[in-house]
Amino acid sequence: MSAEPPRAVLERLRAVDWYGDWDMAVSHSRSRALLMREHMRRAALWAQAYGAEEQWPFFDVTEFVDPTFRLDPEIESELKDYVAHNVGTPSTARTCRGAVRWAALRERGGIGLPDLPDPYEPLLLMYERGGGYSIEEFIDLYGVMITYGNFESNLDAEPFLTQAPSTLDALDAGAAGRIAYYAKISEGYPRSSPRGILRRRLTGRDAQTHDEAFTRNLRWEPTEYLRLYELGHNDIAHVQISEREAAAFIESATKRLTGSR
C-alpha cells in the first residue's frame, strides 16, 4: 500500500497552527463555521450508514468501515507522536487520526463504500483556516461558537459543497456584523442562477447598514441597489438566499470569469 495519500494528510495537519493565530481564526470565522457544519452533516451520513450514531460527530470512520484496518507502522508512529505533542483536545485528536486512516483506507481500496462525500475534507479545510476547536455546551471555533443541533437536524442539513479556497475567502472578506444575502432574479435568471448576488451587513449597536454586491472584479463592492429598490426606483426583483447559495454563486462566477475548472 502506498503511503503517499495518508502522508499528504499528515503533512496538512502538521502545517496547521492549532492554537496560536487567533486573528486568522477570527478572520475566517464564517467559512470555518460553514465547514464545521458540513462536517457535522457528513459525519451524520457516515454514522447512519455504519450504525455509529452514538459516536457522532467526531469519530474515526475507518473503525466502522473496516475494524481490521491498520495503518502503515511508520505513518502510525509519526501520527501518534504528532497528535500527542500538538493536538490539545481528544475529539480533535480522533478526527486527525481518522483523516489519516481514511486516506490510507481509500488508497488501499478493495472495499465497497457507500456513495457518500468525503467525511474529513471540510474539517481539514477548517483546521487550515485557523486551527482547531473545543467543545462544551457549544462548539467553540475560536472566533465563533455554533450549536450541535441534533443528529437528525444535521442529517437533513443543507449541503455546503462549494469549498474552493477562493470561495471561502470571498465569504470571509469584510464579513463583519449580521449578514443577509440576496439574489437578483428576473425572467431567465431564477434563484438557482441569478443575475447577481448582494449582501447587507448590519454592524455596531446602531445596526449601521452596509450594502455590497459581488462584482465581476470577484470582490464585494458597495451598491445602492437595495436602497433604490426600497425607494421604488429599481424594478429588478430580489429574494433572500442562504449563505450556501451565495457560496455556490461565487464559485460559479469565479470559474466563469477566470476560466478555471
C-alpha atoms as a PDB file:
ATOM      1  CA  MET A   1       0.000   0.000   0.000  1.00  0.00           C
ATOM      2  CA  SER A   2       1.349   3.432  -0.959  1.00  0.00           C
ATOM      3  CA  ALA A   3       1.873   5.791   1.973  1.00  0.00           C
ATOM      4  CA  GLU A   4       1.513   8.905  -0.196  1.00  0.00           C
ATOM      5  CA  PRO A   5      -2.168   9.862   0.473  1.00  0.00           C
ATOM      6  CA  PRO A   6      -2.035   9.352   4.261  1.00  0.00           C
ATOM      7  CA  ARG A   7       1.298  11.148   4.438  1.00  0.00           C
ATOM      8  CA  ALA A   8      -0.175  14.051   2.450  1.00  0.00           C
ATOM      9  CA  VAL A   9      -2.953  14.358   5.039  1.00  0.00           C
ATOM     10  CA  LEU A  10      -0.427  14.139   7.868  1.00  0.00           C
ATOM     11  CA  GLU A  11       1.579  16.961   6.288  1.00  0.00           C
ATOM     12  CA  ARG A  12      -1.567  19.088   6.033  1.00  0.00           C
ATOM     13  CA  LEU A  13      -2.123  18.551   9.748  1.00  0.00           C
ATOM     14  CA  ARG A  14       1.489  19.412  10.530  1.00  0.00           C
ATOM     15  CA  ALA A  15       1.037  22.752   8.743  1.00  0.00           C
ATOM     16  CA  VAL A  16      -1.895  23.761  10.967  1.00  0.00           C
ATOM     17  CA  ASP A  17      -1.343  26.445  13.608  1.00  0.00           C
ATOM     18  CA  TRP A  18      -3.651  24.847  16.143  1.00  0.00           C
ATOM     19  CA  TYR A  19      -3.944  27.490  18.808  1.00  0.00           C
ATOM     20  CA  GLY A  20      -1.532  30.304  18.007  1.00  0.00           C
ATOM     21  CA  ASP A  21      -3.187  32.520  15.385  1.00  0.00           C
ATOM     22  CA  TRP A  22      -6.354  33.983  16.910  1.00  0.00           C
ATOM     23  CA  ASP A  23      -6.596  36.706  14.243  1.00  0.00           C
ATOM     24  CA  MET A  24      -6.625  34.120  11.460  1.00  0.00           C
ATOM     25  CA  ALA A  25      -9.391  32.132  13.144  1.00  0.00           C
ATOM     26  CA  VAL A  26     -11.493  35.277  13.649  1.00  0.00           C
ATOM     27  CA  SER A  27     -10.984  36.495  10.064  1.00  0.00           C
ATOM     28  CA  HIS A  28     -12.144  33.110   8.759  1.00  0.00           C
ATOM     29  CA  SER A  29     -14.940  32.599  11.267  1.00  0.00           C
ATOM     30  CA  ARG A  30     -17.758  32.459   8.691  1.00  0.00           C
ATOM     31  CA  SER A  31     -16.118  29.870   6.451  1.00  0.00           C
ATOM     32  CA  ARG A  32     -14.954  27.866   9.465  1.00  0.00           C
ATOM     33  CA  ALA A  33     -18.496  27.714  10.814  1.00  0.00           C
ATOM     34  CA  LEU A  34     -19.814  26.549   7.425  1.00  0.00           C
ATOM     35  CA  LEU A  35     -17.081  23.916   7.150  1.00  0.00           C
ATOM     36  CA  MET A  36     -17.751  22.629  10.660  1.00  0.00           C
ATOM     37  CA  ARG A  37     -21.470  22.381   9.937  1.00  0.00           C
ATOM     38  CA  GLU A  38     -20.702  20.490   6.728  1.00  0.00           C
ATOM     39  CA  HIS A  39     -18.503  18.111   8.701  1.00  0.00           C
ATOM     40  CA  MET A  40     -21.372  17.540  11.144  1.00  0.00           C
ATOM     41  CA  ARG A  41     -23.684  16.753   8.222  1.00  0.00           C
ATOM     42  CA  ARG A  42     -21.242  14.348   6.554  1.00  0.00           C
ATOM     43  CA  ALA A  43     -20.372  12.688   9.844  1.00  0.00           C
ATOM     44  CA  ALA A  44     -24.089  12.066  10.409  1.00  0.00           C
ATOM     45  CA  LEU A  45     -24.402  10.428   6.973  1.00  0.00           C
ATOM     46  CA  TRP A  46     -21.461   8.110   7.654  1.00  0.00           C
ATOM     47  CA  ALA A  47     -22.626   7.360  11.196  1.00  0.00           C
ATOM     48  CA  GLN A  48     -26.061   6.408   9.869  1.00  0.00           C
ATOM     49  CA  ALA A  49     -24.532   4.173   7.187  1.00  0.00           C
ATOM     50  CA  TYR A  50     -22.452   2.204   9.713  1.00  0.00           C
ATOM     51  CA  GLY A  51     -24.539   2.308  12.872  1.00  0.00           C
ATOM     52  CA  ALA A  52     -22.188   4.749  14.604  1.00  0.00           C
ATOM     53  CA  GLU A  53     -24.782   7.276  15.736  1.00  0.00           C
ATOM     54  CA  GLU A  54     -23.547   7.217  19.335  1.00  0.00           C
ATOM     55  CA  GLN A  55     -20.031   8.175  18.187  1.00  0.00           C
ATOM     56  CA  TRP A  56     -21.168  11.174  16.119  1.00  0.00           C
ATOM     57  CA  PRO A  57     -19.895  13.775  15.303  1.00  0.00           C
ATOM     58  CA  PHE A  58     -16.131  13.391  15.944  1.00  0.00           C
ATOM     59  CA  PHE A  59     -15.098   9.819  15.283  1.00  0.00           C
ATOM     60  CA  ASP A  60     -12.842   7.574  13.210  1.00  0.00           C
ATOM     61  CA  VAL A  61     -14.985   6.353  10.300  1.00  0.00           C
ATOM     62  CA  THR A  62     -12.441   3.678   9.372  1.00  0.00           C
ATOM     63  CA  GLU A  63     -13.021   1.867  12.659  1.00  0.00           C
ATOM     64  CA  PHE A  64     -16.568   1.134  11.490  1.00  0.00           C
ATOM     65  CA  VAL A  65     -15.889   0.606   7.778  1.00  0.00           C
ATOM     66  CA  ASP A  66     -13.113  -1.925   8.395  1.00  0.00           C
ATOM     67  CA  PRO A  67     -12.321  -2.711  12.064  1.00  0.00           C
ATOM     68  CA  THR A  68      -9.311  -4.831  10.994  1.00  0.00           C
ATOM     69  CA  PHE A  69      -7.586  -1.988   9.131  1.00  0.00           C
ATOM     70  CA  ARG A  70      -4.092  -0.998  10.263  1.00  0.00           C
ATOM     71  CA  LEU A  71      -2.000   1.963   9.190  1.00  0.00           C
ATOM     72  CA  ASP A  72       1.499   1.613   7.838  1.00  0.00           C
ATOM     73  CA  PRO A  73       3.602   1.366  11.056  1.00  0.00           C
ATOM     74  CA  GLU A  74       5.833   4.295  10.118  1.00  0.00           C
ATOM     75  CA  ILE A  75       2.878   6.593   9.441  1.00  0.00           C
ATOM     76  CA  GLU A  76       1.146   5.336  12.581  1.00  0.00           C
ATOM     77  CA  SER A  77       4.180   6.175  14.697  1.00  0.00           C
ATOM     78  CA  GLU A  78       4.570   9.657  13.217  1.00  0.00           C
ATOM     79  CA  LEU A  79       0.864  10.392  13.562  1.00  0.00           C
ATOM     80  CA  LYS A  80       0.760   9.245  17.176  1.00  0.00           C
ATOM     81  CA  ASP A  81       3.773  11.371  18.084  1.00  0.00           C
ATOM     82  CA  TYR A  82       2.445  14.452  16.280  1.00  0.00           C
ATOM     83  CA  VAL A  83      -1.014  14.278  17.818  1.00  0.00           C
ATOM     84  CA  ALA A  84       0.364  13.681  21.320  1.00  0.00           C
ATOM     85  CA  HIS A  85       2.554  16.798  21.182  1.00  0.00           C
ATOM     86  CA  ASN A  86       0.434  19.209  19.143  1.00  0.00           C
ATOM     87  CA  VAL A  87      -3.292  18.489  19.286  1.00  0.00           C
ATOM     88  CA  GLY A  88      -4.851  19.524  22.560  1.00  0.00           C
ATOM     89  CA  THR A  89      -8.372  18.090  22.668  1.00  0.00           C
ATOM     90  CA  PRO A  90      -9.357  14.402  22.492  1.00  0.00           C
ATOM     91  CA  SER A  91     -12.069  14.862  19.866  1.00  0.00           C
ATOM     92  CA  THR A  92      -9.705  16.816  17.614  1.00  0.00           C
ATOM     93  CA  ALA A  93      -7.104  14.076  18.018  1.00  0.00           C
ATOM     94  CA  ARG A  94      -9.685  11.460  16.985  1.00  0.00           C
ATOM     95  CA  THR A  95     -10.519  13.343  13.810  1.00  0.00           C
ATOM     96  CA  CYS A  96      -6.859  13.858  12.926  1.00  0.00           C
ATOM     97  CA  ARG A  97      -6.219  10.156  13.300  1.00  0.00           C
ATOM     98  CA  GLY A  98      -9.432   9.411  11.451  1.00  0.00           C
ATOM     99  CA  ALA A  99      -8.497  11.640   8.499  1.00  0.00           C
ATOM    100  CA  VAL A 100      -5.095   9.982   8.033  1.00  0.00           C
ATOM    101  CA  ARG A 101      -6.529   6.480   8.392  1.00  0.00           C
ATOM    102  CA  TRP A 102      -9.348   7.297   5.983  1.00  0.00           C
ATOM    103  CA  ALA A 103      -6.838   8.417   3.329  1.00  0.00           C
ATOM    104  CA  ALA A 104      -4.937   5.159   3.783  1.00  0.00           C
ATOM    105  CA  LEU A 105      -8.082   3.040   3.577  1.00  0.00           C
ATOM    106  CA  ARG A 106      -9.176   4.748   0.370  1.00  0.00           C
ATOM    107  CA  GLU A 107      -5.710   4.269  -1.108  1.00  0.00           C
ATOM    108  CA  ARG A 108      -5.736   0.557  -0.289  1.00  0.00           C
ATOM    109  CA  GLY A 109      -9.109   0.038  -1.936  1.00  0.00           C
ATOM    110  CA  GLY A 110     -10.693  -3.376  -2.127  1.00  0.00           C
ATOM    111  CA  ILE A 111     -13.696  -2.491  -0.012  1.00  0.00           C
ATOM    112  CA  GLY A 112     -17.152  -1.384  -1.038  1.00  0.00           C
ATOM    113  CA  LEU A 113     -18.126   2.059   0.215  1.00  0.00           C
ATOM    114  CA  PRO A 114     -21.455   3.901   0.109  1.00  0.00           C
ATOM    115  CA  ASP A 115     -21.827   6.846  -2.257  1.00  0.00           C
ATOM    116  CA  LEU A 116     -21.217   9.490   0.392  1.00  0.00           C
ATOM    117  CA  PRO A 117     -18.990  12.598   0.427  1.00  0.00           C
ATOM    118  CA  ASP A 118     -15.519  12.540   1.970  1.00  0.00           C
ATOM    119  CA  PRO A 119     -16.040  12.607   5.749  1.00  0.00           C
ATOM    120  CA  TYR A 120     -12.954  14.655   6.641  1.00  0.00           C
ATOM    121  CA  GLU A 121     -12.197  17.190   3.886  1.00  0.00           C
ATOM    122  CA  PRO A 122     -14.377  20.002   5.344  1.00  0.00           C
ATOM    123  CA  LEU A 123     -12.738  19.533   8.739  1.00  0.00           C
ATOM    124  CA  LEU A 124      -9.238  19.572   7.237  1.00  0.00           C
ATOM    125  CA  LEU A 125     -10.073  22.804   5.416  1.00  0.00           C
ATOM    126  CA  MET A 126     -11.426  24.268   8.651  1.00  0.00           C
ATOM    127  CA  TYR A 127      -8.226  23.375  10.504  1.00  0.00           C
ATOM    128  CA  GLU A 128      -6.167  25.029   7.772  1.00  0.00           C
ATOM    129  CA  ARG A 129      -8.202  28.234   8.116  1.00  0.00           C
ATOM    130  CA  GLY A 130      -7.489  28.918  11.768  1.00  0.00           C
ATOM    131  CA  GLY A 131      -6.791  25.841  13.856  1.00  0.00           C
ATOM    132  CA  GLY A 132      -8.948  23.555  15.947  1.00  0.00           C
ATOM    133  CA  TYR A 133     -11.912  23.839  18.256  1.00  0.00           C
ATOM    134  CA  SER A 134     -13.058  22.969  21.743  1.00  0.00           C
ATOM    135  CA  ILE A 135     -16.358  21.527  22.853  1.00  0.00           C
ATOM    136  CA  GLU A 136     -18.606  22.096  25.820  1.00  0.00           C
ATOM    137  CA  GLU A 137     -22.225  23.237  25.548  1.00  0.00           C
ATOM    138  CA  PHE A 138     -21.323  24.692  22.152  1.00  0.00           C
ATOM    139  CA  ILE A 139     -18.579  24.056  19.607  1.00  0.00           C
ATOM    140  CA  ASP A 140     -16.062  26.873  20.058  1.00  0.00           C
ATOM    141  CA  LEU A 141     -14.203  27.634  16.826  1.00  0.00           C
ATOM    142  CA  TYR A 142     -12.072  30.376  18.456  1.00  0.00           C
ATOM    143  CA  GLY A 143     -13.866  33.224  16.750  1.00  0.00           C
ATOM    144  CA  VAL A 144     -17.432  31.969  16.671  1.00  0.00           C
ATOM    145  CA  MET A 145     -19.448  29.368  18.557  1.00  0.00           C
ATOM    146  CA  ILE A 146     -22.027  27.104  16.933  1.00  0.00           C
ATOM    147  CA  THR A 147     -24.625  24.755  18.364  1.00  0.00           C
ATOM    148  CA  TYR A 148     -24.550  20.995  17.942  1.00  0.00           C
ATOM    149  CA  GLY A 149     -28.146  20.634  16.858  1.00  0.00           C
ATOM    150  CA  ASN A 150     -29.214  17.013  16.979  1.00  0.00           C
ATOM    151  CA  PHE A 151     -28.358  14.024  14.837  1.00  0.00           C
ATOM    152  CA  GLU A 152     -31.490  14.287  12.693  1.00  0.00           C
ATOM    153  CA  SER A 153     -31.165  18.017  12.031  1.00  0.00           C
ATOM    154  CA  ASN A 154     -27.560  17.561  10.888  1.00  0.00           C
ATOM    155  CA  LEU A 155     -28.514  14.599   8.740  1.00  0.00           C
ATOM    156  CA  ASP A 156     -31.043  16.785   6.922  1.00  0.00           C
ATOM    157  CA  ALA A 157     -28.957  19.964   6.808  1.00  0.00           C
ATOM    158  CA  GLU A 158     -28.418  21.895   3.592  1.00  0.00           C
ATOM    159  CA  PRO A 159     -25.144  20.696   1.996  1.00  0.00           C
ATOM    160  CA  PHE A 160     -22.198  23.058   1.689  1.00  0.00           C
ATOM    161  CA  LEU A 161     -20.399  21.718  -1.356  1.00  0.00           C
ATOM    162  CA  THR A 162     -18.565  24.802  -2.652  1.00  0.00           C
ATOM    163  CA  GLN A 163     -15.272  24.669  -0.786  1.00  0.00           C
ATOM    164  CA  ALA A 164     -12.699  26.215  -3.135  1.00  0.00           C
ATOM    165  CA  PRO A 165     -10.294  28.489  -1.209  1.00  0.00           C
ATOM    166  CA  SER A 166     -11.305  31.485  -3.361  1.00  0.00           C
ATOM    167  CA  THR A 167     -14.966  30.923  -2.459  1.00  0.00           C
ATOM    168  CA  LEU A 168     -14.201  30.589   1.240  1.00  0.00           C
ATOM    169  CA  ASP A 169     -12.049  33.728   1.123  1.00  0.00           C
ATOM    170  CA  ALA A 170     -14.860  35.681  -0.570  1.00  0.00           C
ATOM    171  CA  LEU A 171     -17.343  34.626   2.109  1.00  0.00           C
ATOM    172  CA  ASP A 172     -14.936  35.805   4.802  1.00  0.00           C
ATOM    173  CA  ALA A 173     -13.899  39.069   3.112  1.00  0.00           C
ATOM    174  CA  GLY A 174     -15.099  42.030   5.155  1.00  0.00           C
ATOM    175  CA  ALA A 175     -17.774  39.824   6.728  1.00  0.00           C
ATOM    176  CA  ALA A 176     -18.279  41.812   9.935  1.00  0.00           C
ATOM    177  CA  GLY A 177     -21.700  42.102  11.519  1.00  0.00           C
ATOM    178  CA  ARG A 178     -25.014  40.389  10.888  1.00  0.00           C
ATOM    179  CA  ILE A 179     -25.275  39.433   7.231  1.00  0.00           C
ATOM    180  CA  ALA A 180     -28.194  38.654   4.933  1.00  0.00           C
ATOM    181  CA  TYR A 181     -27.655  37.539   1.329  1.00  0.00           C
ATOM    182  CA  TYR A 182     -29.894  38.289  -1.658  1.00  0.00           C
ATOM    183  CA  ALA A 183     -30.104  37.064  -5.247  1.00  0.00           C
ATOM    184  CA  LYS A 184     -31.205  39.377  -8.065  1.00  0.00           C
ATOM    185  CA  ILE A 185     -33.787  37.493 -10.109  1.00  0.00           C
ATOM    186  CA  SER A 186     -35.779  38.144 -13.271  1.00  0.00           C
ATOM    187  CA  GLU A 187     -37.039  36.247 -16.321  1.00  0.00           C
ATOM    188  CA  GLY A 188     -34.321  33.813 -17.353  1.00  0.00           C
ATOM    189  CA  TYR A 189     -32.442  34.362 -14.081  1.00  0.00           C
ATOM    190  CA  PRO A 190     -34.019  32.150 -11.395  1.00  0.00           C
ATOM    191  CA  ARG A 191     -32.836  31.840  -7.821  1.00  0.00           C
ATOM    192  CA  SER A 192     -30.567  28.942  -8.801  1.00  0.00           C
ATOM    193  CA  SER A 193     -28.840  31.082 -11.469  1.00  0.00           C
ATOM    194  CA  PRO A 194     -29.406  34.750 -10.570  1.00  0.00           C
ATOM    195  CA  ARG A 195     -28.206  37.922 -12.284  1.00  0.00           C
ATOM    196  CA  GLY A 196     -26.031  38.587  -9.269  1.00  0.00           C
ATOM    197  CA  ILE A 197     -25.908  38.471  -5.500  1.00  0.00           C
ATOM    198  CA  LEU A 198     -25.742  41.069  -2.756  1.00  0.00           C
ATOM    199  CA  ARG A 199     -25.269  41.152   0.955  1.00  0.00           C
ATOM    200  CA  ARG A 200     -26.486  43.555   3.617  1.00  0.00           C
ATOM    201  CA  ARG A 201     -24.326  43.849   6.720  1.00  0.00           C
ATOM    202  CA  LEU A 202     -25.563  45.413   9.930  1.00  0.00           C
ATOM    203  CA  THR A 203     -22.721  46.485  12.213  1.00  0.00           C
ATOM    204  CA  GLY A 204     -22.431  48.054  15.627  1.00  0.00           C
ATOM    205  CA  ARG A 205     -25.014  48.715  18.283  1.00  0.00           C
ATOM    206  CA  ASP A 206     -26.840  51.122  15.989  1.00  0.00           C
ATOM    207  CA  ALA A 207     -27.041  48.481  13.212  1.00  0.00           C
ATOM    208  CA  GLN A 208     -25.272  50.600  10.623  1.00  0.00           C
ATOM    209  CA  THR A 209     -26.157  49.307   7.141  1.00  0.00           C
ATOM    210  CA  HIS A 210     -23.573  48.312   4.528  1.00  0.00           C
ATOM    211  CA  ASP A 211     -24.890  47.033   1.178  1.00  0.00           C
ATOM    212  CA  GLU A 212     -22.440  45.262  -1.130  1.00  0.00           C
ATOM    213  CA  ALA A 213     -22.603  43.368  -4.410  1.00  0.00           C
ATOM    214  CA  PHE A 214     -20.282  40.586  -5.518  1.00  0.00           C
ATOM    215  CA  THR A 215     -18.975  42.080  -8.761  1.00  0.00           C
ATOM    216  CA  ARG A 216     -17.149  40.982 -11.894  1.00  0.00           C
ATOM    217  CA  ASN A 217     -13.973  42.007 -10.056  1.00  0.00           C
ATOM    218  CA  LEU A 218     -14.640  38.972  -7.824  1.00  0.00           C
ATOM    219  CA  ARG A 219     -14.961  41.018  -4.676  1.00  0.00           C
ATOM    220  CA  TRP A 220     -17.625  42.727  -2.583  1.00  0.00           C
ATOM    221  CA  GLU A 221     -18.159  46.356  -3.590  1.00  0.00           C
ATOM    222  CA  PRO A 222     -20.647  48.976  -2.327  1.00  0.00           C
ATOM    223  CA  THR A 223     -24.026  49.050  -4.083  1.00  0.00           C
ATOM    224  CA  GLU A 224     -27.115  51.266  -3.971  1.00  0.00           C
ATOM    225  CA  TYR A 225     -29.371  48.510  -5.331  1.00  0.00           C
ATOM    226  CA  LEU A 226     -31.224  47.621  -2.127  1.00  0.00           C
ATOM    227  CA  ARG A 227     -31.707  51.239  -1.081  1.00  0.00           C
ATOM    228  CA  LEU A 228     -33.043  52.201  -4.515  1.00  0.00           C
ATOM    229  CA  TYR A 229     -35.344  49.180  -4.522  1.00  0.00           C
ATOM    230  CA  GLU A 230     -36.751  50.199  -1.156  1.00  0.00           C
ATOM    231  CA  LEU A 231     -37.390  53.682  -2.559  1.00  0.00           C
ATOM    232  CA  GLY A 232     -39.186  52.213  -5.582  1.00  0.00           C
ATOM    233  CA  HIS A 233     -36.515  53.189  -8.115  1.00  0.00           C
ATOM    234  CA  ASN A 234     -35.351  49.704  -9.123  1.00  0.00           C
ATOM    235  CA  ASP A 235     -37.519  47.170 -10.963  1.00  0.00           C
ATOM    236  CA  ILE A 236     -35.193  44.154 -10.694  1.00  0.00           C
ATOM    237  CA  ALA A 237     -36.556  41.810  -8.039  1.00  0.00           C
ATOM    238  CA  HIS A 238     -34.539  40.006  -5.407  1.00  0.00           C
ATOM    239  CA  VAL A 239     -35.011  37.173  -2.926  1.00  0.00           C
ATOM    240  CA  GLN A 240     -33.163  36.353   0.266  1.00  0.00           C
ATOM    241  CA  ILE A 241     -30.893  33.310  -0.054  1.00  0.00           C
ATOM    242  CA  SER A 242     -28.747  31.214   2.255  1.00  0.00           C
ATOM    243  CA  GLU A 243     -25.015  31.619   2.741  1.00  0.00           C
ATOM    244  CA  ARG A 244     -24.558  28.280   0.986  1.00  0.00           C
ATOM    245  CA  GLU A 245     -26.456  29.543  -2.068  1.00  0.00           C
ATOM    246  CA  ALA A 246     -24.298  32.657  -2.066  1.00  0.00           C
ATOM    247  CA  ALA A 247     -21.196  30.453  -1.989  1.00  0.00           C
ATOM    248  CA  ALA A 248     -22.441  28.471  -4.986  1.00  0.00           C
ATOM    249  CA  PHE A 249     -22.892  31.685  -6.990  1.00  0.00           C
ATOM    250  CA  ILE A 250     -19.426  32.953  -6.016  1.00  0.00           C
ATOM    251  CA  GLU A 251     -17.797  29.723  -7.088  1.00  0.00           C
ATOM    252  CA  SER A 252     -19.710  29.635 -10.377  1.00  0.00           C
ATOM    253  CA  ALA A 253     -18.874  33.276 -11.135  1.00  0.00           C
ATOM    254  CA  THR A 254     -15.210  32.725 -10.314  1.00  0.00           C
ATOM    255  CA  LYS A 255     -14.986  29.763 -12.684  1.00  0.00           C
ATOM    256  CA  ARG A 256     -16.808  31.644 -15.445  1.00  0.00           C
ATOM    257  CA  LEU A 257     -14.756  34.816 -15.180  1.00  0.00           C
ATOM    258  CA  THR A 258     -11.348  33.203 -14.690  1.00  0.00           C
ATOM    259  CA  GLY A 259     -11.827  30.232 -16.995  1.00  0.00           C
ATOM    260  CA  SER A 260     -10.892  27.869 -14.172  1.00  0.00           C
ATOM    261  CA  ARG A 261     -12.476  24.470 -13.601  1.00  0.00           C
END
